[in-house]
Amino acid sequence: DGGFILSEKPTSLVIDDEIQIRRLLRIVLEEEGYRVLESETGRQGLSDVALRRPDVVLLDLGLPDMDGLVVLQRLREWSHVPVLILSVRDGPEDKVTALAAGADDYVTKPFDSTALLARLRAIQRRVPFGTEDPYFQAGHLAIDFNTRTVTVDGREVKLTATEYALLKALAQHAGKVVTHKQLLREVWGPNAENQSQYLRVYVTHLRKKIEIPGAPEKLLKTESGIGYRLILPAQK
């Protein structure tokens, strides 16, 4: 029933620890018809994206608790929200790195308000449709991509960074077969495509942590000679 209210005004989230910048952006964005939310830290920003679902994010790279690039990488694990980087870093390599990490555009401070608004409108037009969620559940397994928490039957399990990356890659393609090559590329990088022994070892580790012994339905299926598939409960 409240859907039309949200669509009347696009919501922007400003993640920046500098209060003057947030004030300036609030004035510029509200004049343009945006609702404006503010976060002072990266952690708060990630939480606000998950809970408040803004239409566009303006992200500073120099945050007090974590680098803005880390915020961007975490966000891109589960969200396609358009992100405009606002930063005093103006080297070409800074822009390339941010765009490679999933930013939609990059504006250096101090910025021109008219140009900033034009770029915001442009990246909002590019946003892909489709639902996204920071939470994933399949049977007894639940993942919170925002906090990187994995629970099995309601109990938190500790995964190494590599185990988590492997589980995340499988969860993002849940229900589909993910090939050995694709998993190696996503988890270990483009030069690891022939290291299938890595994959076997880590899949074994992962199974021990996410499967319930004696459960009739296994979550992680081997598709012989092809890859692996994370089963969604309705699938067999």
C-alpha atoms as a PDB file:
ATOM      1  CA  ASP A   1       0.000   0.000   0.000  1.00  0.00           C
ATOM      2  CA  GLY A   2       2.968   2.333   0.550  1.00  0.00           C
ATOM      3  CA  GLY A   3       4.576   1.429  -2.778  1.00  0.00           C
ATOM      4  CA  PHE A   4       3.516   4.545  -4.651  1.00  0.00           C
ATOM      5  CA  ILE A   5       4.938   6.794  -1.909  1.00  0.00           C
ATOM      6  CA  LEU A   6       8.392   5.288  -2.379  1.00  0.00           C
ATOM      7  CA  SER A   7       8.233   5.650  -6.153  1.00  0.00           C
ATOM      8  CA  GLU A   8       7.275   9.327  -5.958  1.00  0.00           C
ATOM      9  CA  LYS A   9      10.697  10.349  -4.712  1.00  0.00           C
ATOM     10  CA  PRO A  10      13.876   8.400  -5.391  1.00  0.00           C
ATOM     11  CA  THR A  11      15.901   7.757  -2.231  1.00  0.00           C
ATOM     12  CA  SER A  12      19.593   8.585  -2.127  1.00  0.00           C
ATOM     13  CA  LEU A  13      22.014   7.416   0.551  1.00  0.00           C
ATOM     14  CA  VAL A  14      25.099   9.558   1.209  1.00  0.00           C
ATOM     15  CA  ILE A  15      27.930   7.614   2.896  1.00  0.00           C
ATOM     16  CA  ASP A  16      30.438  10.275   3.962  1.00  0.00           C
ATOM     17  CA  ASP A  17      31.960  11.168   7.332  1.00  0.00           C
ATOM     18  CA  GLU A  18      32.292  14.880   6.492  1.00  0.00           C
ATOM     19  CA  ILE A  19      29.246  16.724   7.807  1.00  0.00           C
ATOM     20  CA  GLN A  20      29.706  19.730   5.471  1.00  0.00           C
ATOM     21  CA  ILE A  21      29.643  17.481   2.402  1.00  0.00           C
ATOM     22  CA  ARG A  22      26.525  15.714   3.684  1.00  0.00           C
ATOM     23  CA  ARG A  23      24.809  19.083   4.276  1.00  0.00           C
ATOM     24  CA  LEU A  24      25.720  20.317   0.802  1.00  0.00           C
ATOM     25  CA  LEU A  25      24.538  17.084  -0.847  1.00  0.00           C
ATOM     26  CA  ARG A  26      21.307  17.152   1.134  1.00  0.00           C
ATOM     27  CA  ILE A  27      20.501  20.642  -0.223  1.00  0.00           C
ATOM     28  CA  VAL A  28      21.441  19.725  -3.817  1.00  0.00           C
ATOM     29  CA  LEU A  29      19.604  16.385  -3.788  1.00  0.00           C
ATOM     30  CA  GLU A  30      16.457  17.578  -2.008  1.00  0.00           C
ATOM     31  CA  GLU A  31      16.126  20.439  -4.507  1.00  0.00           C
ATOM     32  CA  GLU A  32      16.244  17.799  -7.228  1.00  0.00           C
ATOM     33  CA  GLY A  33      13.425  15.819  -5.556  1.00  0.00           C
ATOM     34  CA  TYR A  34      15.391  13.071  -3.785  1.00  0.00           C
ATOM     35  CA  ARG A  35      14.769  11.768  -0.287  1.00  0.00           C
ATOM     36  CA  VAL A  36      18.170  11.867   1.419  1.00  0.00           C
ATOM     37  CA  LEU A  37      19.543   9.368   3.929  1.00  0.00           C
ATOM     38  CA  GLU A  38      22.958   9.799   5.558  1.00  0.00           C
ATOM     39  CA  SER A  39      25.566   7.374   6.935  1.00  0.00           C
ATOM     40  CA  GLU A  40      28.813   8.454   8.602  1.00  0.00           C
ATOM     41  CA  THR A  41      30.676   5.130   8.420  1.00  0.00           C
ATOM     42  CA  GLY A  42      31.086   2.222   6.031  1.00  0.00           C
ATOM     43  CA  ARG A  43      29.435  -0.258   8.384  1.00  0.00           C
ATOM     44  CA  GLN A  44      26.444   1.993   8.925  1.00  0.00           C
ATOM     45  CA  GLY A  45      26.245   2.554   5.176  1.00  0.00           C
ATOM     46  CA  LEU A  46      26.132  -1.185   4.410  1.00  0.00           C
ATOM     47  CA  SER A  47      23.454  -1.664   7.038  1.00  0.00           C
ATOM     48  CA  ASP A  48      21.422   1.272   5.653  1.00  0.00           C
ATOM     49  CA  VAL A  49      21.563  -0.117   2.104  1.00  0.00           C
ATOM     50  CA  ALA A  50      20.312  -3.496   3.354  1.00  0.00           C
ATOM     51  CA  LEU A  51      17.539  -2.111   5.543  1.00  0.00           C
ATOM     52  CA  ARG A  52      16.418   0.992   3.664  1.00  0.00           C
ATOM     53  CA  ARG A  53      16.992   0.017   0.029  1.00  0.00           C
ATOM     54  CA  PRO A  54      18.012   3.373  -1.490  1.00  0.00           C
ATOM     55  CA  ASP A  55      17.709   3.930  -5.250  1.00  0.00           C
ATOM     56  CA  VAL A  56      21.220   5.352  -5.508  1.00  0.00           C
ATOM     57  CA  VAL A  57      24.303   5.564  -3.253  1.00  0.00           C
ATOM     58  CA  LEU A  58      26.894   8.359  -3.094  1.00  0.00           C
ATOM     59  CA  LEU A  59      30.003   6.870  -1.490  1.00  0.00           C
ATOM     60  CA  ASP A  60      33.111   8.606  -0.167  1.00  0.00           C
ATOM     61  CA  LEU A  61      36.318   6.529  -0.316  1.00  0.00           C
ATOM     62  CA  GLY A  62      37.949   8.012   2.813  1.00  0.00           C
ATOM     63  CA  LEU A  63      35.714   6.689   5.583  1.00  0.00           C
ATOM     64  CA  PRO A  64      36.830   6.463   9.223  1.00  0.00           C
ATOM     65  CA  ASP A  65      36.196   2.735   9.793  1.00  0.00           C
ATOM     66  CA  MET A  66      36.932   1.072   6.445  1.00  0.00           C
ATOM     67  CA  ASP A  67      38.083   2.106   2.989  1.00  0.00           C
ATOM     68  CA  GLY A  68      35.221   3.019   0.650  1.00  0.00           C
ATOM     69  CA  LEU A  69      36.478   0.413  -1.840  1.00  0.00           C
ATOM     70  CA  VAL A  70      35.923  -2.303   0.779  1.00  0.00           C
ATOM     71  CA  VAL A  71      32.392  -0.985   1.345  1.00  0.00           C
ATOM     72  CA  LEU A  72      31.825  -1.131  -2.421  1.00  0.00           C
ATOM     73  CA  GLN A  73      33.174  -4.692  -2.715  1.00  0.00           C
ATOM     74  CA  ARG A  74      31.003  -5.898   0.190  1.00  0.00           C
ATOM     75  CA  LEU A  75      27.971  -4.183  -1.322  1.00  0.00           C
ATOM     76  CA  ARG A  76      28.533  -5.735  -4.737  1.00  0.00           C
ATOM     77  CA  GLU A  77      28.395  -9.215  -3.191  1.00  0.00           C
ATOM     78  CA  TRP A  78      24.607  -8.889  -3.040  1.00  0.00           C
ATOM     79  CA  SER A  79      23.422  -5.551  -4.413  1.00  0.00           C
ATOM     80  CA  HIS A  80      23.213  -3.879  -7.839  1.00  0.00           C
ATOM     81  CA  VAL A  81      22.238  -0.460  -6.437  1.00  0.00           C
ATOM     82  CA  PRO A  82      23.862   2.306  -8.546  1.00  0.00           C
ATOM     83  CA  VAL A  83      26.926   3.708  -6.744  1.00  0.00           C
ATOM     84  CA  LEU A  84      28.536   7.072  -7.482  1.00  0.00           C
ATOM     85  CA  ILE A  85      31.966   7.503  -5.888  1.00  0.00           C
ATOM     86  CA  LEU A  86      32.713  10.970  -4.485  1.00  0.00           C
ATOM     87  CA  SER A  87      36.355  11.327  -3.604  1.00  0.00           C
ATOM     88  CA  VAL A  88      39.262  13.746  -3.265  1.00  0.00           C
ATOM     89  CA  ARG A  89      41.454  11.006  -4.804  1.00  0.00           C
ATOM     90  CA  ASP A  90      41.800  12.137  -8.403  1.00  0.00           C
ATOM     91  CA  GLY A  91      44.421   9.820  -9.918  1.00  0.00           C
ATOM     92  CA  PRO A  92      43.370   7.853 -13.011  1.00  0.00           C
ATOM     93  CA  GLU A  93      44.322   4.604 -11.207  1.00  0.00           C
ATOM     94  CA  ASP A  94      41.897   5.478  -8.357  1.00  0.00           C
ATOM     95  CA  LYS A  95      39.051   5.787 -10.844  1.00  0.00           C
ATOM     96  CA  VAL A  96      39.976   2.584 -12.665  1.00  0.00           C
ATOM     97  CA  THR A  97      40.178   0.646  -9.380  1.00  0.00           C
ATOM     98  CA  ALA A  98      36.787   1.954  -8.175  1.00  0.00           C
ATOM     99  CA  LEU A  99      35.053   1.210 -11.492  1.00  0.00           C
ATOM    100  CA  ALA A 100      36.600  -2.279 -11.580  1.00  0.00           C
ATOM    101  CA  ALA A 101      35.274  -2.885  -8.043  1.00  0.00           C
ATOM    102  CA  GLY A 102      31.724  -2.156  -9.206  1.00  0.00           C
ATOM    103  CA  ALA A 103      31.231   1.634  -9.008  1.00  0.00           C
ATOM    104  CA  ASP A 104      28.945   3.070 -11.703  1.00  0.00           C
ATOM    105  CA  ASP A 105      30.667   6.449 -11.914  1.00  0.00           C
ATOM    106  CA  TYR A 106      33.331   8.546 -10.192  1.00  0.00           C
ATOM    107  CA  VAL A 107      33.239  12.263  -9.343  1.00  0.00           C
ATOM    108  CA  THR A 108      36.117  14.106  -7.671  1.00  0.00           C
ATOM    109  CA  LYS A 109      35.652  16.656  -4.865  1.00  0.00           C
ATOM    110  CA  PRO A 110      35.096  19.560  -5.040  1.00  0.00           C
ATOM    111  CA  PHE A 111      32.291  18.825  -7.507  1.00  0.00           C
ATOM    112  CA  ASP A 112      29.950  20.812  -9.719  1.00  0.00           C
ATOM    113  CA  SER A 113      26.357  20.209  -8.580  1.00  0.00           C
ATOM    114  CA  THR A 114      24.824  20.249 -12.079  1.00  0.00           C
ATOM    115  CA  ALA A 115      27.329  17.695 -13.412  1.00  0.00           C
ATOM    116  CA  LEU A 116      26.862  15.527 -10.308  1.00  0.00           C
ATOM    117  CA  LEU A 117      23.074  15.424 -10.760  1.00  0.00           C
ATOM    118  CA  ALA A 118      23.415  14.597 -14.464  1.00  0.00           C
ATOM    119  CA  ARG A 119      25.685  11.654 -13.615  1.00  0.00           C
ATOM    120  CA  LEU A 120      23.324  10.458 -10.882  1.00  0.00           C
ATOM    121  CA  ARG A 121      20.404  10.424 -13.310  1.00  0.00           C
ATOM    122  CA  ALA A 122      22.513   8.564 -15.881  1.00  0.00           C
ATOM    123  CA  ILE A 123      23.571   5.754 -13.529  1.00  0.00           C
ATOM    124  CA  GLN A 124      20.013   5.326 -12.252  1.00  0.00           C
ATOM    125  CA  ARG A 125      18.849   4.689 -15.817  1.00  0.00           C
ATOM    126  CA  ARG A 126      21.393   1.857 -16.102  1.00  0.00           C
ATOM    127  CA  VAL A 127      20.246  -0.085 -13.039  1.00  0.00           C
ATOM    128  CA  PRO A 128      19.206  -3.686 -13.874  1.00  0.00           C
ATOM    129  CA  PHE A 129      15.778  -4.770 -12.725  1.00  0.00           C
ATOM    130  CA  GLY A 130      15.283  -7.755 -10.458  1.00  0.00           C
ATOM    131  CA  THR A 131      15.116  -8.430  -6.770  1.00  0.00           C
ATOM    132  CA  GLU A 132      18.203  -8.612  -4.640  1.00  0.00           C
ATOM    133  CA  ASP A 133      18.593  -9.504  -1.048  1.00  0.00           C
ATOM    134  CA  PRO A 134      21.446  -9.475   1.458  1.00  0.00           C
ATOM    135  CA  TYR A 135      20.039 -12.735   2.865  1.00  0.00           C
ATOM    136  CA  PHE A 136      20.032 -16.215   1.360  1.00  0.00           C
ATOM    137  CA  GLN A 137      18.375 -19.361   2.674  1.00  0.00           C
ATOM    138  CA  ALA A 138      18.306 -22.943   1.417  1.00  0.00           C
ATOM    139  CA  GLY A 139      16.940 -25.535   3.827  1.00  0.00           C
ATOM    140  CA  HIS A 140      18.982 -25.467   7.030  1.00  0.00           C
ATOM    141  CA  LEU A 141      21.591 -23.073   5.563  1.00  0.00           C
ATOM    142  CA  ALA A 142      21.286 -19.280   5.904  1.00  0.00           C
ATOM    143  CA  ILE A 143      23.777 -16.624   4.745  1.00  0.00           C
ATOM    144  CA  ASP A 144      23.791 -12.925   5.614  1.00  0.00           C
ATOM    145  CA  PHE A 145      26.005 -11.423   2.880  1.00  0.00           C
ATOM    146  CA  ASN A 146      26.086  -8.079   4.671  1.00  0.00           C
ATOM    147  CA  THR A 147      27.716  -9.373   7.867  1.00  0.00           C
ATOM    148  CA  ARG A 148      29.199 -12.513   6.219  1.00  0.00           C
ATOM    149  CA  THR A 149      27.454 -14.690   8.783  1.00  0.00           C
ATOM    150  CA  VAL A 150      26.665 -18.313   7.895  1.00  0.00           C
ATOM    151  CA  THR A 151      24.277 -20.350  10.056  1.00  0.00           C
ATOM    152  CA  VAL A 152      23.379 -24.034   9.857  1.00  0.00           C
ATOM    153  CA  ASP A 153      20.177 -24.970  11.665  1.00  0.00           C
ATOM    154  CA  GLY A 154      20.312 -21.613  13.456  1.00  0.00           C
ATOM    155  CA  ARG A 155      23.890 -22.089  14.727  1.00  0.00           C
ATOM    156  CA  GLU A 156      26.650 -19.882  13.376  1.00  0.00           C
ATOM    157  CA  VAL A 157      29.474 -21.734  11.620  1.00  0.00           C
ATOM    158  CA  LYS A 158      32.936 -20.233  11.135  1.00  0.00           C
ATOM    159  CA  LEU A 159      34.196 -20.341   7.557  1.00  0.00           C
ATOM    160  CA  THR A 160      37.627 -19.313   6.303  1.00  0.00           C
ATOM    161  CA  ALA A 161      37.724 -16.485   3.746  1.00  0.00           C
ATOM    162  CA  THR A 162      38.163 -19.023   0.916  1.00  0.00           C
ATOM    163  CA  GLU A 163      35.348 -21.281   2.140  1.00  0.00           C
ATOM    164  CA  TYR A 164      33.069 -18.245   2.392  1.00  0.00           C
ATOM    165  CA  ALA A 165      34.004 -17.075  -1.132  1.00  0.00           C
ATOM    166  CA  LEU A 166      33.232 -20.548  -2.494  1.00  0.00           C
ATOM    167  CA  LEU A 167      29.885 -20.741  -0.698  1.00  0.00           C
ATOM    168  CA  LYS A 168      28.994 -17.228  -1.858  1.00  0.00           C
ATOM    169  CA  ALA A 169      29.735 -18.131  -5.502  1.00  0.00           C
ATOM    170  CA  LEU A 170      27.505 -21.222  -5.216  1.00  0.00           C
ATOM    171  CA  ALA A 171      24.721 -19.318  -3.422  1.00  0.00           C
ATOM    172  CA  GLN A 172      24.694 -16.543  -6.036  1.00  0.00           C
ATOM    173  CA  HIS A 173      23.979 -19.205  -8.675  1.00  0.00           C
ATOM    174  CA  ALA A 174      21.830 -21.384  -6.384  1.00  0.00           C
ATOM    175  CA  GLY A 175      19.928 -24.072  -8.236  1.00  0.00           C
ATOM    176  CA  LYS A 176      22.306 -23.914 -11.214  1.00  0.00           C
ATOM    177  CA  VAL A 177      25.420 -25.944 -11.924  1.00  0.00           C
ATOM    178  CA  VAL A 178      28.544 -23.806 -11.495  1.00  0.00           C
ATOM    179  CA  THR A 179      31.454 -25.233 -13.487  1.00  0.00           C
ATOM    180  CA  HIS A 180      34.845 -26.074 -11.964  1.00  0.00           C
ATOM    181  CA  LYS A 181      36.427 -23.393 -14.154  1.00  0.00           C
ATOM    182  CA  GLN A 182      33.959 -20.694 -13.115  1.00  0.00           C
ATOM    183  CA  LEU A 183      34.371 -21.461  -9.400  1.00  0.00           C
ATOM    184  CA  LEU A 184      38.162 -21.473  -9.662  1.00  0.00           C
ATOM    185  CA  ARG A 185      38.069 -18.147 -11.503  1.00  0.00           C
ATOM    186  CA  GLU A 186      35.622 -16.508  -9.046  1.00  0.00           C
ATOM    187  CA  VAL A 187      37.330 -17.754  -5.873  1.00  0.00           C
ATOM    188  CA  TRP A 188      41.035 -18.031  -6.736  1.00  0.00           C
ATOM    189  CA  GLY A 189      41.336 -15.695  -9.725  1.00  0.00           C
ATOM    190  CA  PRO A 190      41.846 -16.003 -13.486  1.00  0.00           C
ATOM    191  CA  ASN A 191      45.160 -17.893 -13.245  1.00  0.00           C
ATOM    192  CA  ALA A 192      43.739 -20.763 -11.192  1.00  0.00           C
ATOM    193  CA  GLU A 193      41.479 -22.361 -13.795  1.00  0.00           C
ATOM    194  CA  ASN A 194      43.535 -25.570 -13.879  1.00  0.00           C
ATOM    195  CA  GLN A 195      43.892 -25.977 -10.103  1.00  0.00           C
ATOM    196  CA  SER A 196      40.931 -28.287  -9.656  1.00  0.00           C
ATOM    197  CA  GLN A 197      42.564 -30.019  -6.663  1.00  0.00           C
ATOM    198  CA  TYR A 198      42.052 -26.751  -4.691  1.00  0.00           C
ATOM    199  CA  LEU A 199      38.380 -26.989  -5.411  1.00  0.00           C
ATOM    200  CA  ARG A 200      37.997 -30.618  -4.332  1.00  0.00           C
ATOM    201  CA  VAL A 201      39.743 -29.916  -1.028  1.00  0.00           C
ATOM    202  CA  TYR A 202      37.653 -26.830  -0.237  1.00  0.00           C
ATOM    203  CA  VAL A 203      34.357 -28.422  -1.278  1.00  0.00           C
ATOM    204  CA  THR A 204      35.147 -31.240   1.183  1.00  0.00           C
ATOM    205  CA  HIS A 205      35.837 -28.662   3.947  1.00  0.00           C
ATOM    206  CA  LEU A 206      32.662 -26.781   3.092  1.00  0.00           C
ATOM    207  CA  ARG A 207      30.505 -29.929   3.109  1.00  0.00           C
ATOM    208  CA  LYS A 208      31.707 -30.797   6.619  1.00  0.00           C
ATOM    209  CA  LYS A 209      30.605 -27.363   7.833  1.00  0.00           C
ATOM    210  CA  ILE A 210      27.280 -26.824   6.042  1.00  0.00           C
ATOM    211  CA  GLU A 211      25.797 -30.310   5.721  1.00  0.00           C
ATOM    212  CA  ILE A 212      23.913 -31.959   8.601  1.00  0.00           C
ATOM    213  CA  PRO A 213      25.135 -35.561   9.097  1.00  0.00           C
ATOM    214  CA  GLY A 214      22.382 -38.039   8.342  1.00  0.00           C
ATOM    215  CA  ALA A 215      20.097 -35.431   6.738  1.00  0.00           C
ATOM    216  CA  PRO A 216      18.082 -37.011   3.884  1.00  0.00           C
ATOM    217  CA  GLU A 217      18.808 -34.105   1.512  1.00  0.00           C
ATOM    218  CA  LYS A 218      22.352 -32.896   0.821  1.00  0.00           C
ATOM    219  CA  LEU A 219      22.675 -29.191  -0.091  1.00  0.00           C
ATOM    220  CA  LEU A 220      25.893 -29.352  -2.098  1.00  0.00           C
ATOM    221  CA  LYS A 221      25.638 -31.675  -5.092  1.00  0.00           C
ATOM    222  CA  THR A 222      28.533 -32.828  -7.292  1.00  0.00           C
ATOM    223  CA  GLU A 223      27.728 -32.769 -10.996  1.00  0.00           C
ATOM    224  CA  SER A 224      30.319 -35.277 -12.123  1.00  0.00           C
ATOM    225  CA  GLY A 225      32.964 -33.888 -14.466  1.00  0.00           C
ATOM    226  CA  ILE A 226      31.189 -30.504 -14.676  1.00  0.00           C
ATOM    227  CA  GLY A 227      30.995 -28.679 -11.358  1.00  0.00           C
ATOM    228  CA  TYR A 228      28.842 -28.227  -8.262  1.00  0.00           C
ATOM    229  CA  ARG A 229      25.336 -27.078  -7.494  1.00  0.00           C
ATOM    230  CA  LEU A 230      23.808 -25.682  -4.334  1.00  0.00           C
ATOM    231  CA  ILE A 231      20.356 -27.234  -4.121  1.00  0.00           C
ATOM    232  CA  LEU A 232      17.298 -25.147  -3.341  1.00  0.00           C
ATOM    233  CA  PRO A 233      14.867 -27.161  -1.150  1.00  0.00           C
ATOM    234  CA  ALA A 234      12.273 -27.739  -3.898  1.00  0.00           C
ATOM    235  CA  GLN A 235      14.925 -29.152  -6.231  1.00  0.00           C
ATOM    236  CA  LYS A 236      16.117 -32.750  -6.373  1.00  0.00           C
END
